[in-house]
Amino acid sequence: MNTYEIIRRPLVTEKGVTKKDEQRTLCFEVAPNANKTQVKAAVEKLFKVKVEEVRTSNFEGKMRRRGRFVGFRREWKKAYVKLKEGEKVPDFAGV
């Protein structure tokens, strides 16, 4: 997998922006089969920063109904990437 297949998109949520500002931690949606080492290498290459640690979390797809119609949300994976002390946090969230 290349860098753009591993990191799908940044997650710009209230919790994610707070973590970014206070704890130097970035939130990304990543490929479900990507491991922590691949995520670390992709972030370092893409943003040219040093990564201290990576934490990942898997989310299962849920059944959702709209009246008589049934569907499933997709399964996805989130990664919290903490940058090393002194690294400049990239500003990808132009909110």
PDB file of N, CA and C in Angstrom:
ATOM      1  N   MET A   1       0.835  -1.183   0.000  1.00  0.00           N
ATOM      2  CA  MET A   1       0.000   0.000   0.000  1.00  0.00           C
ATOM      3  C   MET A   1       0.885   1.253   0.000  1.00  0.00           C
ATOM      4  N   ASN A   2       0.420   2.283  -0.689  1.00  0.00           N
ATOM      5  CA  ASN A   2       1.158   3.538  -0.661  1.00  0.00           C
ATOM      6  C   ASN A   2       0.586   4.453   0.423  1.00  0.00           C
ATOM      7  N   THR A   3       1.169   5.608   0.577  1.00  0.00           N
ATOM      8  CA  THR A   3       0.815   6.535   1.650  1.00  0.00           C
ATOM      9  C   THR A   3      -0.655   6.933   1.607  1.00  0.00           C
ATOM     10  N   TYR A   4      -1.181   7.186   0.423  1.00  0.00           N
ATOM     11  CA  TYR A   4      -2.551   7.671   0.293  1.00  0.00           C
ATOM     12  C   TYR A   4      -3.575   6.550   0.431  1.00  0.00           C
ATOM     13  N   GLU A   5      -3.162   5.309   0.301  1.00  0.00           N
ATOM     14  CA  GLU A   5      -4.062   4.193   0.571  1.00  0.00           C
ATOM     15  C   GLU A   5      -4.134   3.906   2.062  1.00  0.00           C
ATOM     16  N   ILE A   6      -3.042   4.153   2.782  1.00  0.00           N
ATOM     17  CA  ILE A   6      -3.014   3.915   4.228  1.00  0.00           C
ATOM     18  C   ILE A   6      -3.812   4.998   4.947  1.00  0.00           C
ATOM     19  N   ILE A   7      -3.497   6.271   4.684  1.00  0.00           N
ATOM     20  CA  ILE A   7      -4.212   7.375   5.322  1.00  0.00           C
ATOM     21  C   ILE A   7      -5.305   7.832   4.368  1.00  0.00           C
ATOM     22  N   ARG A   8      -6.545   7.575   4.751  1.00  0.00           N
ATOM     23  CA  ARG A   8      -7.652   7.920   3.865  1.00  0.00           C
ATOM     24  C   ARG A   8      -8.043   9.383   3.974  1.00  0.00           C
ATOM     25  N   ARG A   9      -8.200   9.872   5.212  1.00  0.00           N
ATOM     26  CA  ARG A   9      -8.588  11.272   5.391  1.00  0.00           C
ATOM     27  C   ARG A   9      -8.355  11.682   6.837  1.00  0.00           C
ATOM     28  N   PRO A  10      -8.123  12.969   7.080  1.00  0.00           N
ATOM     29  CA  PRO A  10      -8.057  13.442   8.464  1.00  0.00           C
ATOM     30  C   PRO A  10      -9.471  13.546   9.025  1.00  0.00           C
ATOM     31  N   LEU A  11      -9.612  13.283  10.307  1.00  0.00           N
ATOM     32  CA  LEU A  11     -10.906  13.409  10.960  1.00  0.00           C
ATOM     33  C   LEU A  11     -10.963  14.747  11.682  1.00  0.00           C
ATOM     34  N   VAL A  12     -11.816  15.623  11.203  1.00  0.00           N
ATOM     35  CA  VAL A  12     -11.950  16.958  11.768  1.00  0.00           C
ATOM     36  C   VAL A  12     -13.239  16.964  12.590  1.00  0.00           C
ATOM     37  N   THR A  13     -13.096  16.627  13.869  1.00  0.00           N
ATOM     38  CA  THR A  13     -14.209  16.646  14.800  1.00  0.00           C
ATOM     39  C   THR A  13     -13.819  17.531  15.977  1.00  0.00           C
ATOM     40  N   GLU A  14     -14.775  17.801  16.831  1.00  0.00           N
ATOM     41  CA  GLU A  14     -14.481  18.641  17.987  1.00  0.00           C
ATOM     42  C   GLU A  14     -13.436  17.978  18.883  1.00  0.00           C
ATOM     43  N   LYS A  15     -13.581  16.678  19.102  1.00  0.00           N
ATOM     44  CA  LYS A  15     -12.620  15.945  19.923  1.00  0.00           C
ATOM     45  C   LYS A  15     -11.242  15.924  19.254  1.00  0.00           C
ATOM     46  N   GLY A  16     -11.211  15.702  17.948  1.00  0.00           N
ATOM     47  CA  GLY A  16      -9.946  15.638  17.232  1.00  0.00           C
ATOM     48  C   GLY A  16      -9.202  16.958  17.217  1.00  0.00           C
ATOM     49  N   VAL A  17      -9.927  18.067  17.054  1.00  0.00           N
ATOM     50  CA  VAL A  17      -9.292  19.379  17.043  1.00  0.00           C
ATOM     51  C   VAL A  17      -8.757  19.725  18.429  1.00  0.00           C
ATOM     52  N   THR A  18      -9.487  19.334  19.481  1.00  0.00           N
ATOM     53  CA  THR A  18      -9.022  19.564  20.850  1.00  0.00           C
ATOM     54  C   THR A  18      -7.749  18.790  21.123  1.00  0.00           C
ATOM     55  N   LYS A  19      -7.710  17.519  20.714  1.00  0.00           N
ATOM     56  CA  LYS A  19      -6.504  16.712  20.901  1.00  0.00           C
ATOM     57  C   LYS A  19      -5.333  17.295  20.116  1.00  0.00           C
ATOM     58  N   LYS A  20      -5.603  17.796  18.930  1.00  0.00           N
ATOM     59  CA  LYS A  20      -4.553  18.386  18.100  1.00  0.00           C
ATOM     60  C   LYS A  20      -3.953  19.612  18.775  1.00  0.00           C
ATOM     61  N   ASP A  21      -4.803  20.460  19.330  1.00  0.00           N
ATOM     62  CA  ASP A  21      -4.332  21.696  19.945  1.00  0.00           C
ATOM     63  C   ASP A  21      -3.636  21.463  21.279  1.00  0.00           C
ATOM     64  N   GLU A  22      -4.143  20.555  22.102  1.00  0.00           N
ATOM     65  CA  GLU A  22      -3.642  20.394  23.461  1.00  0.00           C
ATOM     66  C   GLU A  22      -2.592  19.292  23.616  1.00  0.00           C
ATOM     67  N   GLN A  23      -2.682  18.223  22.807  1.00  0.00           N
ATOM     68  CA  GLN A  23      -1.819  17.063  23.028  1.00  0.00           C
ATOM     69  C   GLN A  23      -0.943  16.698  21.833  1.00  0.00           C
ATOM     70  N   ARG A  24      -0.886  17.546  20.808  1.00  0.00           N
ATOM     71  CA  ARG A  24      -0.085  17.255  19.603  1.00  0.00           C
ATOM     72  C   ARG A  24      -0.467  15.909  18.987  1.00  0.00           C
ATOM     73  N   THR A  25      -1.763  15.584  18.977  1.00  0.00           N
ATOM     74  CA  THR A  25      -2.235  14.305  18.466  1.00  0.00           C
ATOM     75  C   THR A  25      -3.148  14.544  17.274  1.00  0.00           C
ATOM     76  N   LEU A  26      -2.858  13.856  16.173  1.00  0.00           N
ATOM     77  CA  LEU A  26      -3.655  13.966  14.956  1.00  0.00           C
ATOM     78  C   LEU A  26      -4.563  12.748  14.829  1.00  0.00           C
ATOM     79  N   CYS A  27      -5.754  12.935  14.262  1.00  0.00           N
ATOM     80  CA  CYS A  27      -6.704  11.838  14.067  1.00  0.00           C
ATOM     81  C   CYS A  27      -6.890  11.611  12.566  1.00  0.00           C
ATOM     82  N   PHE A  28      -6.825  10.350  12.163  1.00  0.00           N
ATOM     83  CA  PHE A  28      -6.995   9.990  10.763  1.00  0.00           C
ATOM     84  C   PHE A  28      -7.895   8.778  10.639  1.00  0.00           C
ATOM     85  N   GLU A  29      -8.614   8.706   9.527  1.00  0.00           N
ATOM     86  CA  GLU A  29      -9.236   7.444   9.136  1.00  0.00           C
ATOM     87  C   GLU A  29      -8.196   6.724   8.295  1.00  0.00           C
ATOM     88  N   VAL A  30      -7.911   5.472   8.638  1.00  0.00           N
ATOM     89  CA  VAL A  30      -6.883   4.710   7.943  1.00  0.00           C
ATOM     90  C   VAL A  30      -7.484   3.439   7.362  1.00  0.00           C
ATOM     91  N   ALA A  31      -6.730   2.782   6.508  1.00  0.00           N
ATOM     92  CA  ALA A  31      -7.170   1.525   5.915  1.00  0.00           C
ATOM     93  C   ALA A  31      -7.332   0.467   7.009  1.00  0.00           C
ATOM     94  N   PRO A  32      -8.382  -0.340   6.939  1.00  0.00           N
ATOM     95  CA  PRO A  32      -8.628  -1.321   8.002  1.00  0.00           C
ATOM     96  C   PRO A  32      -7.520  -2.356   8.180  1.00  0.00           C
ATOM     97  N   ASN A  33      -6.765  -2.636   7.140  1.00  0.00           N
ATOM     98  CA  ASN A  33      -5.699  -3.634   7.259  1.00  0.00           C
ATOM     99  C   ASN A  33      -4.320  -3.009   7.472  1.00  0.00           C
ATOM    100  N   ALA A  34      -4.258  -1.692   7.709  1.00  0.00           N
ATOM    101  CA  ALA A  34      -2.981  -1.018   7.974  1.00  0.00           C
ATOM    102  C   ALA A  34      -2.608  -1.200   9.437  1.00  0.00           C
ATOM    103  N   ASN A  35      -1.323  -1.483   9.687  1.00  0.00           N
ATOM    104  CA  ASN A  35      -0.883  -1.623  11.074  1.00  0.00           C
ATOM    105  C   ASN A  35      -0.238  -0.315  11.538  1.00  0.00           C
ATOM    106  N   LYS A  36       0.163  -0.289  12.826  1.00  0.00           N
ATOM    107  CA  LYS A  36       0.685   0.941  13.422  1.00  0.00           C
ATOM    108  C   LYS A  36       1.991   1.383  12.771  1.00  0.00           C
ATOM    109  N   THR A  37       2.829   0.444  12.390  1.00  0.00           N
ATOM    110  CA  THR A  37       4.098   0.784  11.750  1.00  0.00           C
ATOM    111  C   THR A  37       3.864   1.452  10.402  1.00  0.00           C
ATOM    112  N   GLN A  38       2.925   0.944   9.635  1.00  0.00           N
ATOM    113  CA  GLN A  38       2.613   1.539   8.334  1.00  0.00           C
ATOM    114  C   GLN A  38       2.019   2.940   8.499  1.00  0.00           C
ATOM    115  N   VAL A  39       1.152   3.120   9.493  1.00  0.00           N
ATOM    116  CA  VAL A  39       0.548   4.431   9.742  1.00  0.00           C
ATOM    117  C   VAL A  39       1.625   5.433  10.143  1.00  0.00           C
ATOM    118  N   LYS A  40       2.538   5.020  11.015  1.00  0.00           N
ATOM    119  CA  LYS A  40       3.623   5.893  11.453  1.00  0.00           C
ATOM    120  C   LYS A  40       4.480   6.328  10.272  1.00  0.00           C
ATOM    121  N   ALA A  41       4.875   5.385   9.419  1.00  0.00           N
ATOM    122  CA  ALA A  41       5.707   5.707   8.266  1.00  0.00           C
ATOM    123  C   ALA A  41       4.977   6.626   7.292  1.00  0.00           C
ATOM    124  N   ALA A  42       3.690   6.398   7.098  1.00  0.00           N
ATOM    125  CA  ALA A  42       2.915   7.219   6.165  1.00  0.00           C
ATOM    126  C   ALA A  42       2.784   8.655   6.659  1.00  0.00           C
ATOM    127  N   VAL A  43       2.535   8.846   7.956  1.00  0.00           N
ATOM    128  CA  VAL A  43       2.402  10.201   8.502  1.00  0.00           C
ATOM    129  C   VAL A  43       3.743  10.929   8.449  1.00  0.00           C
ATOM    130  N   GLU A  44       4.823  10.232   8.790  1.00  0.00           N
ATOM    131  CA  GLU A  44       6.146  10.862   8.738  1.00  0.00           C
ATOM    132  C   GLU A  44       6.510  11.277   7.320  1.00  0.00           C
ATOM    133  N   LYS A  45       6.161  10.453   6.344  1.00  0.00           N
ATOM    134  CA  LYS A  45       6.475  10.772   4.956  1.00  0.00           C
ATOM    135  C   LYS A  45       5.577  11.884   4.413  1.00  0.00           C
ATOM    136  N   LEU A  46       4.304  11.842   4.741  1.00  0.00           N
ATOM    137  CA  LEU A  46       3.342  12.785   4.187  1.00  0.00           C
ATOM    138  C   LEU A  46       3.493  14.189   4.775  1.00  0.00           C
ATOM    139  N   PHE A  47       3.671  14.288   6.098  1.00  0.00           N
ATOM    140  CA  PHE A  47       3.721  15.586   6.763  1.00  0.00           C
ATOM    141  C   PHE A  47       5.129  16.013   7.166  1.00  0.00           C
ATOM    142  N   LYS A  48       6.122  15.146   6.968  1.00  0.00           N
ATOM    143  CA  LYS A  48       7.520  15.437   7.293  1.00  0.00           C
ATOM    144  C   LYS A  48       7.687  15.837   8.759  1.00  0.00           C
ATOM    145  N   VAL A  49       7.158  14.995   9.653  1.00  0.00           N
ATOM    146  CA  VAL A  49       7.255  15.175  11.100  1.00  0.00           C
ATOM    147  C   VAL A  49       7.708  13.860  11.716  1.00  0.00           C
ATOM    148  N   LYS A  50       8.110  13.899  12.983  1.00  0.00           N
ATOM    149  CA  LYS A  50       8.503  12.700  13.715  1.00  0.00           C
ATOM    150  C   LYS A  50       7.342  12.264  14.609  1.00  0.00           C
ATOM    151  N   VAL A  51       7.017  10.980  14.585  1.00  0.00           N
ATOM    152  CA  VAL A  51       5.888  10.439  15.334  1.00  0.00           C
ATOM    153  C   VAL A  51       6.401   9.750  16.591  1.00  0.00           C
ATOM    154  N   GLU A  52       5.750  10.041  17.734  1.00  0.00           N
ATOM    155  CA  GLU A  52       6.113   9.410  18.996  1.00  0.00           C
ATOM    156  C   GLU A  52       5.384   8.086  19.177  1.00  0.00           C
ATOM    157  N   GLU A  53       4.044   8.083  18.991  1.00  0.00           N
ATOM    158  CA  GLU A  53       3.279   6.848  19.153  1.00  0.00           C
ATOM    159  C   GLU A  53       2.035   6.889  18.287  1.00  0.00           C
ATOM    160  N   VAL A  54       1.501   5.691  18.014  1.00  0.00           N
ATOM    161  CA  VAL A  54       0.282   5.540  17.231  1.00  0.00           C
ATOM    162  C   VAL A  54      -0.669   4.626  17.999  1.00  0.00           C
ATOM    163  N   ARG A  55      -1.895   5.066  18.150  1.00  0.00           N
ATOM    164  CA  ARG A  55      -2.939   4.231  18.742  1.00  0.00           C
ATOM    165  C   ARG A  55      -4.042   4.060  17.711  1.00  0.00           C
ATOM    166  N   THR A  56      -4.580   2.859  17.585  1.00  0.00           N
ATOM    167  CA  THR A  56      -5.618   2.598  16.600  1.00  0.00           C
ATOM    168  C   THR A  56      -6.870   2.068  17.279  1.00  0.00           C
ATOM    169  N   SER A  57      -7.978   2.245  16.600  1.00  0.00           N
ATOM    170  CA  SER A  57      -9.263   1.799  17.113  1.00  0.00           C
ATOM    171  C   SER A  57     -10.115   1.341  15.936  1.00  0.00           C
ATOM    172  N   ASN A  58     -10.704   0.143  16.042  1.00  0.00           N
ATOM    173  CA  ASN A  58     -11.572  -0.397  14.998  1.00  0.00           C
ATOM    174  C   ASN A  58     -13.030  -0.129  15.340  1.00  0.00           C
ATOM    175  N   PHE A  59     -13.818   0.235  14.337  1.00  0.00           N
ATOM    176  CA  PHE A  59     -15.241   0.481  14.517  1.00  0.00           C
ATOM    177  C   PHE A  59     -16.024  -0.483  13.638  1.00  0.00           C
ATOM    178  N   GLU A  60     -16.955  -1.206  14.249  1.00  0.00           N
ATOM    179  CA  GLU A  60     -17.758  -2.172  13.517  1.00  0.00           C
ATOM    180  C   GLU A  60     -18.923  -1.471  12.832  1.00  0.00           C
ATOM    181  N   GLY A  61     -19.323  -2.011  11.686  1.00  0.00           N
ATOM    182  CA  GLY A  61     -20.473  -1.469  10.979  1.00  0.00           C
ATOM    183  C   GLY A  61     -21.757  -1.825  11.714  1.00  0.00           C
ATOM    184  N   LYS A  62     -22.695  -0.891  11.753  1.00  0.00           N
ATOM    185  CA  LYS A  62     -23.953  -1.105  12.456  1.00  0.00           C
ATOM    186  C   LYS A  62     -25.103  -1.166  11.461  1.00  0.00           C
ATOM    187  N   MET A  63     -26.140  -1.901  11.840  1.00  0.00           N
ATOM    188  CA  MET A  63     -27.331  -1.936  11.015  1.00  0.00           C
ATOM    189  C   MET A  63     -28.133  -0.655  11.238  1.00  0.00           C
ATOM    190  N   ARG A  64     -28.550  -0.030  10.178  1.00  0.00           N
ATOM    191  CA  ARG A  64     -29.364   1.178  10.251  1.00  0.00           C
ATOM    192  C   ARG A  64     -30.616   0.992   9.410  1.00  0.00           C
ATOM    193  N   ARG A  65     -31.728   1.505   9.898  1.00  0.00           N
ATOM    194  CA  ARG A  65     -33.000   1.390   9.188  1.00  0.00           C
ATOM    195  C   ARG A  65     -33.538   2.773   8.862  1.00  0.00           C
ATOM    196  N   ARG A  66     -34.136   2.872   7.708  1.00  0.00           N
ATOM    197  CA  ARG A  66     -34.912   4.054   7.319  1.00  0.00           C
ATOM    198  C   ARG A  66     -36.287   3.529   6.904  1.00  0.00           C
ATOM    199  N   GLY A  67     -37.176   3.470   7.883  1.00  0.00           N
ATOM    200  CA  GLY A  67     -38.488   2.888   7.599  1.00  0.00           C
ATOM    201  C   GLY A  67     -38.357   1.405   7.347  1.00  0.00           C
ATOM    202  N   ARG A  68     -38.779   0.954   6.183  1.00  0.00           N
ATOM    203  CA  ARG A  68     -38.689  -0.481   5.874  1.00  0.00           C
ATOM    204  C   ARG A  68     -37.368  -0.868   5.220  1.00  0.00           C
ATOM    205  N   PHE A  69     -36.525   0.109   4.931  1.00  0.00           N
ATOM    206  CA  PHE A  69     -35.263  -0.158   4.252  1.00  0.00           C
ATOM    207  C   PHE A  69     -34.157  -0.398   5.288  1.00  0.00           C
ATOM    208  N   VAL A  70     -33.394  -1.460   5.085  1.00  0.00           N
ATOM    209  CA  VAL A  70     -32.329  -1.842   6.009  1.00  0.00           C
ATOM    210  C   VAL A  70     -30.997  -1.718   5.291  1.00  0.00           C
ATOM    211  N   GLY A  71     -30.009  -1.176   5.995  1.00  0.00           N
ATOM    212  CA  GLY A  71     -28.675  -1.078   5.436  1.00  0.00           C
ATOM    213  C   GLY A  71     -27.649  -1.172   6.546  1.00  0.00           C
ATOM    214  N   PHE A  72     -26.391  -1.233   6.165  1.00  0.00           N
ATOM    215  CA  PHE A  72     -25.309  -1.318   7.132  1.00  0.00           C
ATOM    216  C   PHE A  72     -24.337  -0.173   6.923  1.00  0.00           C
ATOM    217  N   ARG A  73     -23.874   0.404   8.039  1.00  0.00           N
ATOM    218  CA  ARG A  73     -22.766   1.335   7.961  1.00  0.00           C
ATOM    219  C   ARG A  73     -21.509   0.514   7.716  1.00  0.00           C
ATOM    220  N   ARG A  74     -20.518   1.147   7.141  1.00  0.00           N
ATOM    221  CA  ARG A  74     -19.296   0.418   6.832  1.00  0.00           C
ATOM    222  C   ARG A  74     -18.407   0.304   8.067  1.00  0.00           C
ATOM    223  N   GLU A  75     -17.517  -0.671   8.065  1.00  0.00           N
ATOM    224  CA  GLU A  75     -16.523  -0.814   9.115  1.00  0.00           C
ATOM    225  C   GLU A  75     -15.319   0.040   8.759  1.00  0.00           C
ATOM    226  N   TRP A  76     -14.689   0.658   9.782  1.00  0.00           N
ATOM    227  CA  TRP A  76     -13.559   1.535   9.515  1.00  0.00           C
ATOM    228  C   TRP A  76     -12.621   1.544  10.701  1.00  0.00           C
ATOM    229  N   LYS A  77     -11.457   2.156  10.501  1.00  0.00           N
ATOM    230  CA  LYS A  77     -10.412   2.185  11.512  1.00  0.00           C
ATOM    231  C   LYS A  77      -9.922   3.613  11.697  1.00  0.00           C
ATOM    232  N   LYS A  78      -9.731   4.003  12.972  1.00  0.00           N
ATOM    233  CA  LYS A  78      -9.248   5.341  13.320  1.00  0.00           C
ATOM    234  C   LYS A  78      -7.866   5.212  13.936  1.00  0.00           C
ATOM    235  N   ALA A  79      -6.995   6.177  13.630  1.00  0.00           N
ATOM    236  CA  ALA A  79      -5.655   6.195  14.209  1.00  0.00           C
ATOM    237  C   ALA A  79      -5.411   7.542  14.877  1.00  0.00           C
ATOM    238  N   TYR A  80      -4.924   7.488  16.121  1.00  0.00           N
ATOM    239  CA  TYR A  80      -4.472   8.673  16.835  1.00  0.00           C
ATOM    240  C   TYR A  80      -2.952   8.683  16.766  1.00  0.00           C
ATOM    241  N   VAL A  81      -2.373   9.713  16.170  1.00  0.00           N
ATOM    242  CA  VAL A  81      -0.934   9.803  15.957  1.00  0.00           C
ATOM    243  C   VAL A  81      -0.393  10.951  16.807  1.00  0.00           C
ATOM    244  N   LYS A  82       0.441  10.621  17.796  1.00  0.00           N
ATOM    245  CA  LYS A  82       1.024  11.639  18.663  1.00  0.00           C
ATOM    246  C   LYS A  82       2.400  12.008  18.131  1.00  0.00           C
ATOM    247  N   LEU A  83       2.641  13.314  17.975  1.00  0.00           N
ATOM    248  CA  LEU A  83       3.913  13.798  17.448  1.00  0.00           C
ATOM    249  C   LEU A  83       4.909  13.993  18.582  1.00  0.00           C
ATOM    250  N   LYS A  84       6.189  13.904  18.245  1.00  0.00           N
ATOM    251  CA  LYS A  84       7.243  14.108  19.238  1.00  0.00           C
ATOM    252  C   LYS A  84       7.282  15.563  19.684  1.00  0.00           C
ATOM    253  N   GLU A  85       7.866  15.775  20.861  1.00  0.00           N
ATOM    254  CA  GLU A  85       7.992  17.123  21.427  1.00  0.00           C
ATOM    255  C   GLU A  85       8.825  17.995  20.489  1.00  0.00           C
ATOM    256  N   GLY A  86       8.344  19.210  20.248  1.00  0.00           N
ATOM    257  CA  GLY A  86       9.067  20.138  19.403  1.00  0.00           C
ATOM    258  C   GLY A  86       8.672  20.099  17.937  1.00  0.00           C
ATOM    259  N   GLU A  87       7.875  19.119  17.529  1.00  0.00           N
ATOM    260  CA  GLU A  87       7.445  19.036  16.133  1.00  0.00           C
ATOM    261  C   GLU A  87       6.286  20.000  15.903  1.00  0.00           C
ATOM    262  N   LYS A  88       6.269  20.618  14.736  1.00  0.00           N
ATOM    263  CA  LYS A  88       5.199  21.547  14.386  1.00  0.00           C
ATOM    264  C   LYS A  88       3.990  20.738  13.918  1.00  0.00           C
ATOM    265  N   VAL A  89       2.832  21.013  14.491  1.00  0.00           N
ATOM    266  CA  VAL A  89       1.615  20.298  14.141  1.00  0.00           C
ATOM    267  C   VAL A  89       1.114  20.836  12.803  1.00  0.00           C
ATOM    268  N   PRO A  90       0.931  19.973  11.794  1.00  0.00           N
ATOM    269  CA  PRO A  90       0.447  20.456  10.497  1.00  0.00           C
ATOM    270  C   PRO A  90      -0.993  20.958  10.599  1.00  0.00           C
ATOM    271  N   ASP A  91      -1.302  21.987   9.848  1.00  0.00           N
ATOM    272  CA  ASP A  91      -2.636  22.582   9.895  1.00  0.00           C
ATOM    273  C   ASP A  91      -3.407  22.155   8.659  1.00  0.00           C
ATOM    274  N   PHE A  92      -3.983  20.966   8.699  1.00  0.00           N
ATOM    275  CA  PHE A  92      -4.784  20.485   7.575  1.00  0.00           C
ATOM    276  C   PHE A  92      -6.251  20.781   7.768  1.00  0.00           C
ATOM    277  N   ALA A  93      -6.644  21.267   8.943  1.00  0.00           N
ATOM    278  CA  ALA A  93      -8.048  21.542   9.247  1.00  0.00           C
ATOM    279  C   ALA A  93      -8.328  23.025   9.107  1.00  0.00           C
ATOM    280  N   GLY A  94      -8.674  23.459   7.938  1.00  0.00           N
ATOM    281  CA  GLY A  94      -8.996  24.860   7.728  1.00  0.00           C
ATOM    282  C   GLY A  94     -10.461  25.124   8.019  1.00  0.00           C
ATOM    283  N   VAL A  95     -10.846  24.964   9.286  1.00  0.00           N
ATOM    284  CA  VAL A  95     -12.254  25.117   9.665  1.00  0.00           C
ATOM    285  C   VAL A  95     -12.527  26.535  10.076  1.00  0.00           C
TER     286      VAL A  95
END
